[in-house]
Amino acid sequence: MPDTTNHELTAIILAGGRGQRMGLQNKGLLPFRQQPLIAHVIASLRPQVSRIVISANDNLDDYQQFGLSVIPDQLADYAGPLAGIYSVMRVLNSEWYITAPCDTPCLPTDYVARMLAGRHGQLACVAHDGQRQQSGCCLLHHSLLGQLEQTLESGHFAVHRFLAEIAASTVDFSDEAHGFANINTPAELAALDTDATSRDSGHD
């Protein structure tokens, strides 16, 4: 059962996609350096937040083995990460919700602190790696739930569109751009593994 205690901050790991470009494999469960991808995300987030939940629609038993609440979408047909965020916000009480995709195994260790510091009085903010906005890495206040619901009801499911509508502030992570590298294809998974190994060995 989900922990329904009100938390100041809840981290949502987004693992509800179909993984179409990965041959319909569940990306969060793919092996990366001897562990599932999602295990690396959990390890990065655990020292940074008091509550982590997983938004997932398939392989629920597999995800529950990580000892976290697993919350499926309340909307049908794999409506996307915005629907996953909405579903968690409907079920769990929290003042703030911070998100991370299940396929970002190198997430910065100061991700949460920098996102909180980057709000600048706004109700939402989103990470930017210096080249592009990382819409899957955002921070949202609970008061946005009603507007999020209206957006989904109107048939708009893109996270970047919703963040633009609510004028989310941007948090600069250009100095840690590698931390937002994500996986969409087997080739990208192999390349990220090579890159991570090179960084660990001290090579450029």
Protein backbone atom coordinates (compact mmCIF):
# COMPACT_ATOMS: atom_id res chain seq x y z
CA MET A 1 0.00 0.00 0.00
CA PRO A 2 1.25 3.51 -0.76
CA ASP A 3 2.43 5.64 2.14
CA THR A 4 -0.37 8.23 2.37
CA THR A 5 1.40 10.39 4.95
CA ASN A 6 1.77 13.99 3.85
CA HIS A 7 5.37 14.59 2.81
CA GLU A 8 7.05 17.88 2.00
CA LEU A 9 8.63 16.29 -1.07
CA THR A 10 7.96 13.08 -3.01
CA ALA A 11 10.21 11.79 -5.80
CA ILE A 12 8.44 10.10 -8.72
CA ILE A 13 10.45 7.74 -10.90
CA LEU A 14 8.72 7.61 -14.28
CA ALA A 15 8.64 4.03 -15.57
CA GLY A 16 5.24 3.83 -17.23
CA GLY A 17 6.16 3.89 -20.91
CA ARG A 18 5.94 1.13 -23.48
CA GLY A 19 9.64 1.20 -24.39
CA GLN A 20 8.79 1.01 -28.08
CA ARG A 21 12.27 1.96 -29.27
CA MET A 22 13.71 -0.72 -26.98
CA GLY A 23 11.65 -3.45 -28.62
CA LEU A 24 8.82 -3.07 -26.09
CA GLN A 25 11.17 -3.93 -23.24
CA ASN A 26 10.53 -2.23 -19.92
CA LYS A 27 13.43 0.23 -19.83
CA GLY A 28 13.68 0.56 -16.08
CA LEU A 29 14.40 -3.15 -15.74
CA LEU A 30 17.12 -3.34 -18.41
CA PRO A 31 20.57 -4.19 -17.02
CA PHE A 32 23.12 -1.41 -16.75
CA ARG A 33 26.41 -2.16 -15.02
CA GLN A 34 25.07 -5.30 -13.33
CA GLN A 35 21.87 -3.64 -12.04
CA PRO A 36 18.52 -2.60 -13.53
CA LEU A 37 18.51 0.98 -14.80
CA ILE A 38 15.96 2.02 -12.20
CA ALA A 39 18.16 0.77 -9.36
CA HIS A 40 20.71 3.45 -10.24
CA VAL A 41 18.02 6.14 -10.19
CA ILE A 42 16.80 4.94 -6.80
CA ALA A 43 20.35 4.95 -5.45
CA SER A 44 20.83 8.54 -6.64
CA LEU A 45 17.56 9.77 -5.16
CA ARG A 46 17.55 7.88 -1.86
CA PRO A 47 19.99 10.21 -0.05
CA GLN A 48 18.17 13.25 -1.43
CA VAL A 49 14.50 12.63 -0.50
CA SER A 50 12.50 10.88 2.20
CA ARG A 51 9.93 9.27 -0.10
CA ILE A 52 10.34 7.72 -3.55
CA VAL A 53 7.56 6.12 -5.58
CA ILE A 54 7.53 4.42 -8.97
CA SER A 55 5.03 5.28 -11.69
CA ALA A 56 4.65 2.11 -13.77
CA ASN A 57 2.05 0.28 -15.85
CA ASP A 58 3.70 -3.07 -16.58
CA ASN A 59 5.91 -5.50 -14.65
CA LEU A 60 4.42 -4.18 -11.42
CA ASP A 61 5.61 -7.17 -9.39
CA ASP A 62 9.16 -6.63 -10.62
CA TYR A 63 9.08 -2.98 -9.62
CA GLN A 64 7.58 -3.76 -6.22
CA GLN A 65 10.70 -5.79 -5.43
CA PHE A 66 12.55 -2.50 -4.94
CA GLY A 67 10.52 -1.90 -1.78
CA LEU A 68 8.80 1.26 -3.04
CA SER A 69 5.16 2.07 -3.72
CA VAL A 70 4.29 1.39 -7.37
CA ILE A 71 1.43 3.48 -8.77
CA PRO A 72 -0.11 2.74 -12.20
CA ASP A 73 -1.71 5.38 -14.41
CA GLN A 74 -5.33 6.28 -13.76
CA LEU A 75 -5.64 7.02 -17.48
CA ALA A 76 -5.71 4.23 -20.05
CA ASP A 77 -3.53 3.49 -23.07
CA TYR A 78 -0.11 4.59 -21.81
CA ALA A 79 -0.95 8.29 -21.85
CA GLY A 80 2.62 9.28 -21.04
CA PRO A 81 4.65 10.64 -18.15
CA LEU A 82 2.31 13.57 -17.51
CA ALA A 83 -0.46 11.07 -16.80
CA GLY A 84 1.90 9.19 -14.50
CA ILE A 85 2.70 12.35 -12.54
CA TYR A 86 -1.00 13.16 -12.30
CA SER A 87 -1.82 9.67 -11.03
CA VAL A 88 0.75 9.90 -8.24
CA MET A 89 -0.41 13.39 -7.25
CA ARG A 90 -3.97 12.06 -7.01
CA VAL A 91 -2.98 9.21 -4.71
CA LEU A 92 -0.20 10.61 -2.50
CA ASN A 93 -0.15 13.74 -0.36
CA SER A 94 2.89 15.93 -0.75
CA GLU A 95 3.62 19.63 -1.01
CA TRP A 96 6.11 19.13 -3.84
CA TYR A 97 6.74 16.36 -6.38
CA ILE A 98 10.05 15.93 -8.18
CA THR A 99 10.36 13.60 -11.15
CA ALA A 100 13.09 11.52 -12.79
CA PRO A 101 12.83 9.09 -15.70
CA CYS A 102 13.73 5.47 -14.97
CA ASP A 103 16.35 5.56 -17.73
CA THR A 104 18.58 8.31 -16.27
CA PRO A 105 21.04 6.17 -14.28
CA CYS A 106 23.63 8.95 -13.87
CA LEU A 107 21.30 11.48 -12.22
CA PRO A 108 23.26 14.22 -10.38
CA THR A 109 23.69 13.65 -6.66
CA ASP A 110 22.68 17.28 -6.04
CA TYR A 111 19.67 17.14 -8.37
CA VAL A 112 17.01 17.69 -5.71
CA ALA A 113 18.82 20.46 -3.84
CA ARG A 114 19.46 22.42 -7.02
CA MET A 115 15.89 22.02 -8.23
CA LEU A 116 14.51 23.26 -4.91
CA ALA A 117 16.89 26.21 -5.00
CA GLY A 118 15.86 27.00 -8.57
CA ARG A 119 12.17 27.57 -7.95
CA HIS A 120 12.52 31.35 -7.62
CA GLY A 121 9.02 31.66 -6.25
CA GLN A 122 7.46 29.62 -9.05
CA LEU A 123 5.17 26.62 -8.60
CA ALA A 124 7.29 24.54 -10.99
CA CYS A 125 10.76 24.28 -12.43
CA VAL A 126 12.50 22.05 -14.95
CA ALA A 127 16.10 20.98 -15.47
CA HIS A 128 18.09 22.19 -18.49
CA ASP A 129 21.34 20.47 -19.45
CA GLY A 130 22.73 23.42 -21.39
CA GLN A 131 21.48 22.14 -24.74
CA ARG A 132 17.90 21.10 -24.13
CA GLN A 133 15.18 21.14 -21.52
CA GLN A 134 14.86 17.84 -19.65
CA SER A 135 11.08 17.79 -19.26
CA GLY A 136 11.12 14.46 -17.43
CA CYS A 137 13.09 16.12 -14.63
CA CYS A 138 10.77 18.67 -13.12
CA LEU A 139 9.51 19.91 -9.76
CA LEU A 140 5.78 20.60 -9.29
CA HIS A 141 3.74 22.03 -6.42
CA HIS A 142 0.61 20.16 -5.36
CA SER A 143 -1.58 23.20 -6.14
CA LEU A 144 -1.00 22.48 -9.85
CA LEU A 145 -3.08 19.29 -9.69
CA GLY A 146 -6.28 20.94 -10.91
CA GLN A 147 -4.56 22.58 -13.87
CA LEU A 148 -2.79 19.32 -14.68
CA GLU A 149 -6.12 17.49 -14.69
CA GLN A 150 -7.63 20.08 -17.05
CA THR A 151 -4.67 19.75 -19.39
CA LEU A 152 -5.06 15.97 -19.59
CA GLU A 153 -8.84 16.22 -20.02
CA SER A 154 -8.27 18.54 -22.98
CA GLY A 155 -6.21 15.82 -24.66
CA HIS A 156 -2.78 17.37 -24.19
CA PHE A 157 -0.28 14.89 -22.78
CA ALA A 158 3.14 16.44 -23.42
CA VAL A 159 5.08 17.38 -20.31
CA HIS A 160 6.96 20.19 -22.07
CA ARG A 161 3.69 21.80 -23.15
CA PHE A 162 2.31 21.73 -19.60
CA LEU A 163 5.53 23.19 -18.20
CA ALA A 164 5.31 26.02 -20.74
CA GLU A 165 1.67 26.68 -19.84
CA ILE A 166 2.50 27.07 -16.14
CA ALA A 167 5.63 29.15 -16.82
CA ALA A 168 8.00 26.75 -15.08
CA SER A 169 11.38 28.24 -14.26
CA THR A 170 14.52 26.67 -15.71
CA VAL A 171 17.33 25.24 -13.57
CA ASP A 172 20.76 25.22 -15.20
CA PHE A 173 22.59 21.88 -15.04
CA SER A 174 24.96 22.59 -17.92
CA ASP A 175 27.89 21.68 -15.66
CA GLU A 176 26.35 18.20 -15.09
CA ALA A 177 24.81 17.56 -18.48
CA HIS A 178 25.97 13.92 -18.48
CA GLY A 179 23.72 13.32 -15.47
CA PHE A 180 20.64 13.59 -17.69
CA ALA A 181 21.73 11.13 -20.35
CA ASN A 182 18.82 8.78 -20.94
CA ILE A 183 18.24 5.55 -22.82
CA ASN A 184 15.91 5.11 -25.78
CA THR A 185 17.67 2.48 -27.91
CA PRO A 186 20.01 -0.49 -27.29
CA ALA A 187 22.81 1.53 -28.95
CA GLU A 188 22.31 4.39 -26.48
CA LEU A 189 22.44 1.94 -23.58
CA ALA A 190 25.74 0.51 -24.82
CA ALA A 191 27.16 4.00 -25.43
CA LEU A 192 26.19 5.20 -21.95
CA ASP A 193 27.77 2.13 -20.38
CA THR A 194 31.01 2.87 -22.24
CA ASP A 195 30.89 6.55 -21.24
CA ALA A 196 30.25 5.73 -17.57
CA THR A 197 33.11 3.26 -17.53
CA SER A 198 35.41 5.89 -19.05
CA ARG A 199 34.41 8.45 -16.41
CA ASP A 200 35.02 5.97 -13.61
CA SER A 201 38.49 5.26 -14.94
CA GLY A 202 39.30 8.98 -15.06
CA HIS A 203 39.39 9.32 -18.84
CA ASP A 204 37.71 12.10 -20.82
